[in-house]
Amino acid sequence: MLKGIAIAWLLLFFGDFLSTFFYHVPEHVFGSLHLKTHHSWKKDFHHYAIQTFNQQVLLDGILGALPYLLVGVVLWIFSPIGVICGLLFGQFHVWWRHTSILGWETPKPVNFLCQVLFITTPERHWLHHEKTNAGFGDIFTFFEQPAKIWLSWLRLIRINLRYSRI
């Protein structure tokens, strides 16, 4: 059982790392899919995220989940149950972190536990929907500062690419 828990944690940790630094943050700088589906001022978030099957939203979700699935393939040989539990917990966390729009608030003891374990709460995730430069990390909050640094570096790269074409 301990092995399964360790594999589930590894899947969530490395999946979140890869998703944050190889998809989410670069998409904020070089892409538009994530920005249109998660940060557009024109959308009604409740409708788009909870009640619709918008193909762009689904594609963004699949691209964000792909790193978790790839890590799961690698870790499968060590503990299939751990991989399945990790993926299920990850999906539960996606649903849970989008409950702020429904008016649900994280109970104080759960919020405290999440802070101790560096887990993103719905309120912290909502911060990312409001401010695109804050609240990075799908599951873990300790990717926040490195993601901001990575975001700054990628923006500099984008600026240099624009000026080198002129």
C-alpha atoms as a PDB file:
ATOM      1  CA  MET A   1       0.000   0.000   0.000  1.00  0.00           C
ATOM      2  CA  LEU A   2       2.854   2.380   0.814  1.00  0.00           C
ATOM      3  CA  LYS A   3       4.300   1.748  -2.642  1.00  0.00           C
ATOM      4  CA  GLY A   4       0.975   2.685  -4.265  1.00  0.00           C
ATOM      5  CA  ILE A   5       0.789   5.926  -2.262  1.00  0.00           C
ATOM      6  CA  ALA A   6       4.371   6.789  -3.219  1.00  0.00           C
ATOM      7  CA  ILE A   7       3.690   6.134  -6.912  1.00  0.00           C
ATOM      8  CA  ALA A   8       0.484   8.196  -6.788  1.00  0.00           C
ATOM      9  CA  TRP A   9       2.411  11.076  -5.200  1.00  0.00           C
ATOM     10  CA  LEU A  10       5.237  10.795  -7.752  1.00  0.00           C
ATOM     11  CA  LEU A  11       2.720  10.835 -10.591  1.00  0.00           C
ATOM     12  CA  LEU A  12       1.047  13.955  -9.217  1.00  0.00           C
ATOM     13  CA  PHE A  13       4.351  15.708  -8.477  1.00  0.00           C
ATOM     14  CA  PHE A  14       6.067  15.029 -11.810  1.00  0.00           C
ATOM     15  CA  GLY A  15       2.836  15.405 -13.788  1.00  0.00           C
ATOM     16  CA  ASP A  16       2.229  18.803 -12.186  1.00  0.00           C
ATOM     17  CA  PHE A  17       5.842  19.821 -12.803  1.00  0.00           C
ATOM     18  CA  LEU A  18       5.722  18.856 -16.485  1.00  0.00           C
ATOM     19  CA  SER A  19       2.247  20.283 -17.040  1.00  0.00           C
ATOM     20  CA  THR A  20       3.182  23.581 -15.390  1.00  0.00           C
ATOM     21  CA  PHE A  21       6.594  24.133 -17.010  1.00  0.00           C
ATOM     22  CA  PHE A  22       6.144  22.483 -20.410  1.00  0.00           C
ATOM     23  CA  TYR A  23       2.501  23.297 -21.172  1.00  0.00           C
ATOM     24  CA  HIS A  24       0.786  25.784 -18.883  1.00  0.00           C
ATOM     25  CA  VAL A  25       3.426  28.518 -18.538  1.00  0.00           C
ATOM     26  CA  PRO A  26       4.605  28.331 -22.192  1.00  0.00           C
ATOM     27  CA  GLU A  27       0.964  28.489 -23.310  1.00  0.00           C
ATOM     28  CA  HIS A  28       0.622  31.778 -21.412  1.00  0.00           C
ATOM     29  CA  VAL A  29       3.511  33.227 -23.432  1.00  0.00           C
ATOM     30  CA  PHE A  30       3.435  31.601 -26.868  1.00  0.00           C
ATOM     31  CA  GLY A  31      -0.069  30.232 -27.207  1.00  0.00           C
ATOM     32  CA  SER A  32      -3.634  31.383 -27.111  1.00  0.00           C
ATOM     33  CA  LEU A  33      -5.683  28.240 -26.422  1.00  0.00           C
ATOM     34  CA  HIS A  34      -5.283  28.322 -22.643  1.00  0.00           C
ATOM     35  CA  LEU A  35      -5.707  32.086 -22.481  1.00  0.00           C
ATOM     36  CA  LYS A  36      -8.950  31.938 -24.499  1.00  0.00           C
ATOM     37  CA  THR A  37     -10.410  29.083 -22.503  1.00  0.00           C
ATOM     38  CA  HIS A  38      -9.336  30.108 -18.987  1.00  0.00           C
ATOM     39  CA  HIS A  39      -8.681  33.818 -18.919  1.00  0.00           C
ATOM     40  CA  SER A  40     -10.978  35.510 -21.420  1.00  0.00           C
ATOM     41  CA  TRP A  41     -12.948  38.397 -19.935  1.00  0.00           C
ATOM     42  CA  LYS A  42     -15.819  37.640 -22.346  1.00  0.00           C
ATOM     43  CA  LYS A  43     -16.793  34.252 -20.956  1.00  0.00           C
ATOM     44  CA  ASP A  44     -19.104  33.183 -18.201  1.00  0.00           C
ATOM     45  CA  PHE A  45     -16.750  30.823 -16.374  1.00  0.00           C
ATOM     46  CA  HIS A  46     -19.523  28.861 -14.648  1.00  0.00           C
ATOM     47  CA  HIS A  47     -21.183  28.079 -17.950  1.00  0.00           C
ATOM     48  CA  TYR A  48     -18.002  27.299 -19.843  1.00  0.00           C
ATOM     49  CA  ALA A  49     -16.281  25.135 -17.259  1.00  0.00           C
ATOM     50  CA  ILE A  50     -19.133  23.229 -15.740  1.00  0.00           C
ATOM     51  CA  GLN A  51     -22.045  23.038 -18.145  1.00  0.00           C
ATOM     52  CA  THR A  52     -20.549  22.879 -21.622  1.00  0.00           C
ATOM     53  CA  PHE A  53     -18.439  20.558 -23.722  1.00  0.00           C
ATOM     54  CA  ASN A  54     -16.564  23.282 -25.587  1.00  0.00           C
ATOM     55  CA  GLN A  55     -13.981  21.545 -27.804  1.00  0.00           C
ATOM     56  CA  GLN A  56     -11.292  24.135 -27.052  1.00  0.00           C
ATOM     57  CA  VAL A  57     -11.794  23.684 -23.318  1.00  0.00           C
ATOM     58  CA  LEU A  58     -11.590  19.901 -23.721  1.00  0.00           C
ATOM     59  CA  LEU A  59      -8.437  20.210 -25.853  1.00  0.00           C
ATOM     60  CA  ASP A  60      -6.812  22.481 -23.263  1.00  0.00           C
ATOM     61  CA  GLY A  61      -7.725  19.959 -20.562  1.00  0.00           C
ATOM     62  CA  ILE A  62      -6.289  17.057 -22.555  1.00  0.00           C
ATOM     63  CA  LEU A  63      -3.052  18.943 -23.245  1.00  0.00           C
ATOM     64  CA  GLY A  64      -2.786  19.840 -19.556  1.00  0.00           C
ATOM     65  CA  ALA A  65      -3.429  16.207 -18.558  1.00  0.00           C
ATOM     66  CA  LEU A  66      -1.032  14.682 -21.100  1.00  0.00           C
ATOM     67  CA  PRO A  67       2.047  15.034 -18.842  1.00  0.00           C
ATOM     68  CA  TYR A  68       0.231  13.159 -16.058  1.00  0.00           C
ATOM     69  CA  LEU A  69      -0.654  10.377 -18.471  1.00  0.00           C
ATOM     70  CA  LEU A  70       2.923  10.140 -19.762  1.00  0.00           C
ATOM     71  CA  VAL A  71       4.280   9.947 -16.209  1.00  0.00           C
ATOM     72  CA  GLY A  72       1.615   7.333 -15.503  1.00  0.00           C
ATOM     73  CA  VAL A  73       2.883   5.185 -18.391  1.00  0.00           C
ATOM     74  CA  VAL A  74       6.407   5.291 -16.943  1.00  0.00           C
ATOM     75  CA  LEU A  75       5.280   4.526 -13.389  1.00  0.00           C
ATOM     76  CA  TRP A  76       2.785   1.808 -14.377  1.00  0.00           C
ATOM     77  CA  ILE A  77       5.391  -0.952 -14.070  1.00  0.00           C
ATOM     78  CA  PHE A  78       5.968  -0.046 -10.417  1.00  0.00           C
ATOM     79  CA  SER A  79       2.340   0.173  -9.277  1.00  0.00           C
ATOM     80  CA  PRO A  80      -0.680   0.174 -11.576  1.00  0.00           C
ATOM     81  CA  ILE A  81      -2.916   0.829  -8.555  1.00  0.00           C
ATOM     82  CA  GLY A  82      -0.771   3.810  -7.551  1.00  0.00           C
ATOM     83  CA  VAL A  83      -1.025   5.223 -11.091  1.00  0.00           C
ATOM     84  CA  ILE A  84      -4.793   4.756 -11.195  1.00  0.00           C
ATOM     85  CA  CYS A  85      -5.201   6.331  -7.742  1.00  0.00           C
ATOM     86  CA  GLY A  86      -2.936   9.232  -8.722  1.00  0.00           C
ATOM     87  CA  LEU A  87      -4.884   9.883 -11.917  1.00  0.00           C
ATOM     88  CA  LEU A  88      -8.197   9.655 -10.067  1.00  0.00           C
ATOM     89  CA  PHE A  89      -6.974  12.025  -7.358  1.00  0.00           C
ATOM     90  CA  GLY A  90      -5.706  14.400 -10.052  1.00  0.00           C
ATOM     91  CA  GLN A  91      -9.101  14.398 -11.789  1.00  0.00           C
ATOM     92  CA  PHE A  92     -10.886  14.899  -8.470  1.00  0.00           C
ATOM     93  CA  HIS A  93      -8.588  17.823  -7.778  1.00  0.00           C
ATOM     94  CA  VAL A  94      -9.442  19.395 -11.173  1.00  0.00           C
ATOM     95  CA  TRP A  95     -13.140  19.253 -10.305  1.00  0.00           C
ATOM     96  CA  TRP A  96     -12.579  20.429  -6.728  1.00  0.00           C
ATOM     97  CA  ARG A  97     -10.380  23.390  -7.607  1.00  0.00           C
ATOM     98  CA  HIS A  98     -13.128  24.736  -9.885  1.00  0.00           C
ATOM     99  CA  THR A  99     -15.805  24.812  -7.154  1.00  0.00           C
ATOM    100  CA  SER A 100     -15.172  28.451  -6.162  1.00  0.00           C
ATOM    101  CA  ILE A 101     -17.471  29.636  -8.918  1.00  0.00           C
ATOM    102  CA  LEU A 102     -20.274  27.636  -7.315  1.00  0.00           C
ATOM    103  CA  GLY A 103     -19.872  29.618  -4.092  1.00  0.00           C
ATOM    104  CA  TRP A 104     -18.313  26.719  -2.191  1.00  0.00           C
ATOM    105  CA  GLU A 105     -15.599  27.670   0.282  1.00  0.00           C
ATOM    106  CA  THR A 106     -12.867  25.394   1.553  1.00  0.00           C
ATOM    107  CA  PRO A 107     -13.395  24.675   5.273  1.00  0.00           C
ATOM    108  CA  LYS A 108     -10.681  26.228   7.466  1.00  0.00           C
ATOM    109  CA  PRO A 109      -9.218  22.884   8.673  1.00  0.00           C
ATOM    110  CA  VAL A 110      -9.004  21.617   5.065  1.00  0.00           C
ATOM    111  CA  ASN A 111      -7.483  24.927   3.968  1.00  0.00           C
ATOM    112  CA  PHE A 112      -4.861  24.657   6.737  1.00  0.00           C
ATOM    113  CA  LEU A 113      -4.048  21.053   5.752  1.00  0.00           C
ATOM    114  CA  CYS A 114      -3.699  22.098   2.104  1.00  0.00           C
ATOM    115  CA  GLN A 115      -1.301  24.892   3.098  1.00  0.00           C
ATOM    116  CA  VAL A 116       0.809  22.456   5.109  1.00  0.00           C
ATOM    117  CA  LEU A 117       0.867  19.974   2.187  1.00  0.00           C
ATOM    118  CA  PHE A 118       1.334  22.719  -0.472  1.00  0.00           C
ATOM    119  CA  ILE A 119      -1.885  21.716  -2.254  1.00  0.00           C
ATOM    120  CA  THR A 120      -3.771  24.213  -4.392  1.00  0.00           C
ATOM    121  CA  THR A 121      -7.216  25.068  -3.044  1.00  0.00           C
ATOM    122  CA  PRO A 122     -10.149  26.283  -5.156  1.00  0.00           C
ATOM    123  CA  GLU A 123      -9.636  29.797  -3.832  1.00  0.00           C
ATOM    124  CA  ARG A 124      -5.961  29.789  -4.805  1.00  0.00           C
ATOM    125  CA  HIS A 125      -6.782  28.389  -8.237  1.00  0.00           C
ATOM    126  CA  TRP A 126      -9.432  31.070  -8.729  1.00  0.00           C
ATOM    127  CA  LEU A 127      -6.669  33.611  -8.145  1.00  0.00           C
ATOM    128  CA  HIS A 128      -5.039  32.263 -11.313  1.00  0.00           C
ATOM    129  CA  HIS A 129      -8.257  32.772 -13.279  1.00  0.00           C
ATOM    130  CA  GLU A 130      -8.383  36.379 -12.091  1.00  0.00           C
ATOM    131  CA  LYS A 131      -4.663  37.175 -12.394  1.00  0.00           C
ATOM    132  CA  THR A 132      -2.861  35.241 -15.107  1.00  0.00           C
ATOM    133  CA  ASN A 133       0.545  35.869 -13.496  1.00  0.00           C
ATOM    134  CA  ALA A 134      -0.342  34.222 -10.162  1.00  0.00           C
ATOM    135  CA  GLY A 135      -1.486  30.855  -8.883  1.00  0.00           C
ATOM    136  CA  PHE A 136       0.541  28.529 -11.092  1.00  0.00           C
ATOM    137  CA  GLY A 137       0.705  24.826 -10.335  1.00  0.00           C
ATOM    138  CA  ASP A 138      -2.317  22.628 -10.949  1.00  0.00           C
ATOM    139  CA  ILE A 139      -1.982  20.611  -7.772  1.00  0.00           C
ATOM    140  CA  PHE A 140       1.000  21.907  -5.794  1.00  0.00           C
ATOM    141  CA  THR A 141       1.634  25.483  -4.728  1.00  0.00           C
ATOM    142  CA  PHE A 142       5.413  25.144  -4.441  1.00  0.00           C
ATOM    143  CA  PHE A 143       5.700  25.479  -8.230  1.00  0.00           C
ATOM    144  CA  GLU A 144       4.407  29.068  -7.963  1.00  0.00           C
ATOM    145  CA  GLN A 145       7.709  30.956  -7.640  1.00  0.00           C
ATOM    146  CA  PRO A 146       9.684  28.858 -10.159  1.00  0.00           C
ATOM    147  CA  ALA A 147       6.776  29.192 -12.606  1.00  0.00           C
ATOM    148  CA  LYS A 148       6.843  32.978 -12.286  1.00  0.00           C
ATOM    149  CA  ILE A 149      10.576  32.982 -13.024  1.00  0.00           C
ATOM    150  CA  TRP A 150      10.028  30.651 -15.997  1.00  0.00           C
ATOM    151  CA  LEU A 151       7.216  32.934 -17.226  1.00  0.00           C
ATOM    152  CA  SER A 152       9.569  35.936 -17.098  1.00  0.00           C
ATOM    153  CA  TRP A 153      12.290  34.061 -18.981  1.00  0.00           C
ATOM    154  CA  LEU A 154       9.880  32.905 -21.665  1.00  0.00           C
ATOM    155  CA  ARG A 155       8.573  36.435 -22.109  1.00  0.00           C
ATOM    156  CA  LEU A 156      12.133  37.671 -22.605  1.00  0.00           C
ATOM    157  CA  ILE A 157      12.709  34.927 -25.170  1.00  0.00           C
ATOM    158  CA  ARG A 158       9.512  35.935 -26.993  1.00  0.00           C
ATOM    159  CA  ILE A 159      10.602  39.591 -27.054  1.00  0.00           C
ATOM    160  CA  ASN A 160      14.056  38.630 -28.350  1.00  0.00           C
ATOM    161  CA  LEU A 161      12.494  36.454 -31.037  1.00  0.00           C
ATOM    162  CA  ARG A 162      10.334  39.376 -32.207  1.00  0.00           C
ATOM    163  CA  TYR A 163      13.285  41.761 -32.364  1.00  0.00           C
ATOM    164  CA  SER A 164      15.521  39.261 -34.134  1.00  0.00           C
ATOM    165  CA  ARG A 165      12.967  38.991 -36.972  1.00  0.00           C
ATOM    166  CA  ILE A 166      12.985  42.734 -37.612  1.00  0.00           C
END
